[in-house]
Amino acid sequence: MGQPKFLLKMPDGKSFLESLSRQYAEFGCSNIIVVLNKEGIQNVQNHQLKLPSQTQIILNHHPEFGRFHSIKCGLKTVSKHWFFIHNIDNPFAKRDMLEQLFQEKSDADVVKPVINGKGGHPVLFSRKVRDSILNERKNDYNLKVFLTAFKSKEVTVRDETILINLNTYEEYLEFYRR
């Protein structure tokens, strides 16, 4: 990408991280947790990103352990019964979709948005999932595999942005041209 994904710009000029954290703040999240390595934290400071006041940056001292470990780092500070996990390579968390997922949380520990049979982001999790992840000794667990032990619910949404997953510069350019 030529730079960290969270610094990529949205069409309005805000970084992915600024835009995504603002969307969660507008939804009403009281604690927005961002997990970064040391270099990522330096980039946030150097670029003077404007993040909502309820944003908390957590340092992952061991990024080499992978994504599951990053999630564990962030979950140590989660106190709410329900929380979202969102990848930065999808910079959208539209309020209507977040509300729909939150409304559908009964009878499940994992609530996933789907459109046309495909799952996307963000995913809503219960405290039960949080506690299990924190109690897992392995740091390199595949989250999808880990979640098979929990009751999941798929919620059909109308928001196609849940499927965005920008992993290459070409994908980013195509996204930006929309």
Protein backbone atom coordinates (compact mmCIF):
# COMPACT_ATOMS: atom_id res chain seq x y z
CA MET A 1 0.00 0.00 0.00
CA GLY A 2 2.99 2.31 0.43
CA GLN A 3 1.79 3.30 3.92
CA PRO A 4 -0.14 1.78 6.80
CA LYS A 5 -3.74 1.04 5.78
CA PHE A 6 -5.16 3.14 8.59
CA LEU A 7 -3.54 6.24 7.03
CA LEU A 8 -5.13 5.71 3.61
CA LYS A 9 -7.44 8.57 2.70
CA MET A 10 -11.17 8.51 2.23
CA PRO A 11 -12.64 10.71 -0.54
CA ASP A 12 -13.30 13.43 2.11
CA GLY A 13 -9.57 13.55 2.97
CA LYS A 14 -9.86 11.88 6.38
CA SER A 15 -7.78 8.79 7.07
CA PHE A 16 -9.45 5.40 7.29
CA LEU A 17 -8.85 5.43 11.05
CA GLU A 18 -10.30 8.91 11.53
CA SER A 19 -13.35 8.06 9.45
CA LEU A 20 -14.00 4.67 11.03
CA SER A 21 -13.56 5.88 14.62
CA ARG A 22 -15.86 8.84 13.90
CA GLN A 23 -18.55 6.48 12.56
CA TYR A 24 -18.43 4.42 15.76
CA ALA A 25 -18.52 7.55 17.90
CA GLU A 26 -21.58 8.80 16.02
CA PHE A 27 -23.21 5.41 16.56
CA GLY A 28 -22.74 5.95 20.30
CA CYS A 29 -19.78 3.76 21.20
CA SER A 30 -18.37 4.97 24.50
CA ASN A 31 -15.01 3.24 24.08
CA ILE A 32 -13.32 2.85 20.71
CA ILE A 33 -10.23 0.69 21.00
CA VAL A 34 -7.53 0.73 18.33
CA VAL A 35 -4.68 -1.77 18.53
CA LEU A 36 -1.43 -0.72 16.86
CA ASN A 37 2.23 -1.60 16.96
CA LYS A 38 4.85 0.95 18.03
CA GLU A 39 5.31 2.27 14.49
CA GLY A 40 1.54 2.66 14.10
CA ILE A 41 1.30 4.73 17.26
CA GLN A 42 4.14 6.95 16.02
CA ASN A 43 2.26 7.41 12.73
CA VAL A 44 -0.90 8.47 14.58
CA GLN A 45 1.14 11.07 16.47
CA ASN A 46 3.17 12.23 13.45
CA HIS A 47 0.10 12.66 11.25
CA GLN A 48 -1.86 14.34 14.07
CA LEU A 49 -4.94 12.26 13.40
CA LYS A 50 -8.15 13.72 14.80
CA LEU A 51 -9.79 10.87 16.68
CA PRO A 52 -12.91 11.04 18.86
CA SER A 53 -12.19 11.57 22.55
CA GLN A 54 -13.42 8.06 23.41
CA THR A 55 -10.72 6.50 21.22
CA GLN A 56 -8.11 4.54 23.14
CA ILE A 57 -4.92 3.43 21.40
CA ILE A 58 -3.50 0.14 22.69
CA LEU A 59 0.08 -0.90 21.99
CA ASN A 60 0.59 -4.44 20.73
CA HIS A 61 4.10 -5.24 21.93
CA HIS A 62 4.16 -8.44 19.85
CA PRO A 63 2.65 -7.83 16.40
CA GLU A 64 4.61 -10.84 15.17
CA PHE A 65 2.12 -13.03 17.10
CA GLY A 66 -0.59 -12.10 14.57
CA ARG A 67 -4.17 -10.89 14.47
CA PHE A 68 -5.57 -13.06 17.26
CA HIS A 69 -3.01 -11.62 19.67
CA SER A 70 -3.91 -8.08 18.55
CA ILE A 71 -7.54 -8.83 19.32
CA LYS A 72 -6.55 -10.13 22.76
CA CYS A 73 -4.64 -6.90 23.42
CA GLY A 74 -7.69 -4.81 22.64
CA LEU A 75 -10.15 -7.01 24.50
CA LYS A 76 -8.28 -6.58 27.77
CA THR A 77 -9.84 -3.12 28.01
CA VAL A 78 -13.37 -4.05 26.90
CA SER A 79 -15.89 -3.89 29.72
CA LYS A 80 -19.18 -3.75 27.82
CA HIS A 81 -21.33 -6.82 27.34
CA TRP A 82 -21.39 -6.35 23.54
CA PHE A 83 -18.66 -5.05 21.26
CA PHE A 84 -17.71 -4.86 17.59
CA ILE A 85 -14.47 -5.99 15.98
CA HIS A 86 -13.69 -4.20 12.77
CA ASN A 87 -10.77 -4.54 10.36
CA ILE A 88 -9.18 -1.31 9.13
CA ASP A 89 -9.15 -2.56 5.53
CA ASN A 90 -12.91 -1.92 5.52
CA PRO A 91 -13.38 1.75 6.44
CA PHE A 92 -17.18 1.66 6.77
CA ALA A 93 -19.41 1.24 9.81
CA LYS A 94 -22.69 2.74 8.72
CA ARG A 95 -25.04 3.61 11.55
CA ASP A 96 -28.12 1.82 10.14
CA MET A 97 -26.18 -1.42 9.71
CA LEU A 98 -24.63 -1.17 13.20
CA GLU A 99 -28.07 -0.60 14.71
CA GLN A 100 -29.48 -3.56 12.78
CA LEU A 101 -26.74 -5.87 14.09
CA PHE A 102 -27.21 -4.61 17.63
CA GLN A 103 -30.98 -5.13 17.44
CA GLU A 104 -30.46 -8.75 16.32
CA LYS A 105 -28.09 -9.79 19.10
CA SER A 106 -30.53 -11.93 21.10
CA ASP A 107 -29.88 -15.67 21.12
CA ALA A 108 -26.34 -15.39 19.76
CA ASP A 109 -22.79 -14.70 20.85
CA VAL A 110 -21.60 -13.66 17.39
CA VAL A 111 -23.68 -11.50 15.05
CA LYS A 112 -22.43 -11.25 11.47
CA PRO A 113 -23.68 -9.04 8.64
CA VAL A 114 -24.31 -10.79 5.32
CA ILE A 115 -25.39 -9.66 1.89
CA ASN A 116 -26.08 -11.97 -1.05
CA GLY A 117 -24.83 -14.89 1.05
CA LYS A 118 -21.44 -13.30 1.79
CA GLY A 119 -20.30 -12.27 5.24
CA GLY A 120 -18.53 -9.04 6.03
CA HIS A 121 -17.55 -6.51 8.67
CA PRO A 122 -18.00 -5.48 11.37
CA VAL A 123 -18.96 -8.42 13.58
CA LEU A 124 -20.70 -8.01 16.93
CA PHE A 125 -19.55 -10.19 19.86
CA SER A 126 -20.79 -10.96 23.35
CA ARG A 127 -18.79 -10.85 26.56
CA LYS A 128 -18.75 -14.67 26.51
CA VAL A 129 -16.61 -14.54 23.35
CA ARG A 130 -14.38 -11.87 24.91
CA ASP A 131 -13.75 -13.98 28.01
CA SER A 132 -12.97 -17.08 25.95
CA ILE A 133 -10.53 -15.23 23.72
CA LEU A 134 -8.74 -13.77 26.74
CA ASN A 135 -8.53 -17.21 28.36
CA GLU A 136 -7.09 -18.83 25.22
CA ARG A 137 -3.38 -19.50 25.70
CA LYS A 138 -2.55 -19.65 21.99
CA ASN A 139 -1.83 -16.37 20.26
CA ASP A 140 -1.94 -17.62 16.69
CA TYR A 141 -5.49 -18.95 16.66
CA ASN A 142 -7.57 -18.39 13.53
CA LEU A 143 -10.50 -16.25 14.69
CA LYS A 144 -12.98 -17.88 12.29
CA VAL A 145 -12.06 -21.32 13.59
CA PHE A 146 -12.18 -20.11 17.20
CA LEU A 147 -15.68 -18.69 16.71
CA THR A 148 -17.14 -22.02 15.56
CA ALA A 149 -17.57 -22.89 19.26
CA PHE A 150 -20.13 -20.07 19.69
CA LYS A 151 -23.70 -19.58 18.63
CA SER A 152 -23.68 -17.29 15.59
CA LYS A 153 -26.39 -15.38 13.87
CA GLU A 154 -26.22 -14.04 10.33
CA VAL A 155 -28.15 -10.85 9.72
CA THR A 156 -29.01 -9.92 6.15
CA VAL A 157 -28.19 -6.27 5.56
CA ARG A 158 -28.56 -3.98 2.54
CA ASP A 159 -25.19 -2.32 2.96
CA GLU A 160 -22.73 -3.64 0.36
CA THR A 161 -19.84 -1.82 2.04
CA ILE A 162 -19.65 -4.71 4.54
CA LEU A 163 -17.84 -6.67 1.81
CA ILE A 164 -15.06 -4.15 1.17
CA ASN A 165 -11.64 -5.61 1.93
CA LEU A 166 -8.75 -3.50 0.65
CA ASN A 167 -5.51 -5.47 0.60
CA THR A 168 -3.70 -4.08 -2.43
CA TYR A 169 -3.00 -0.64 -3.77
CA GLU A 170 -4.96 -1.52 -6.90
CA GLU A 171 -8.02 -2.39 -4.78
CA TYR A 172 -7.62 0.92 -2.96
CA LEU A 173 -7.45 2.88 -6.23
CA GLU A 174 -10.57 1.14 -7.49
CA PHE A 175 -12.34 1.89 -4.20
CA TYR A 176 -11.28 5.51 -4.31
CA ARG A 177 -12.60 5.97 -7.87
CA ARG A 178 -16.16 4.99 -6.83
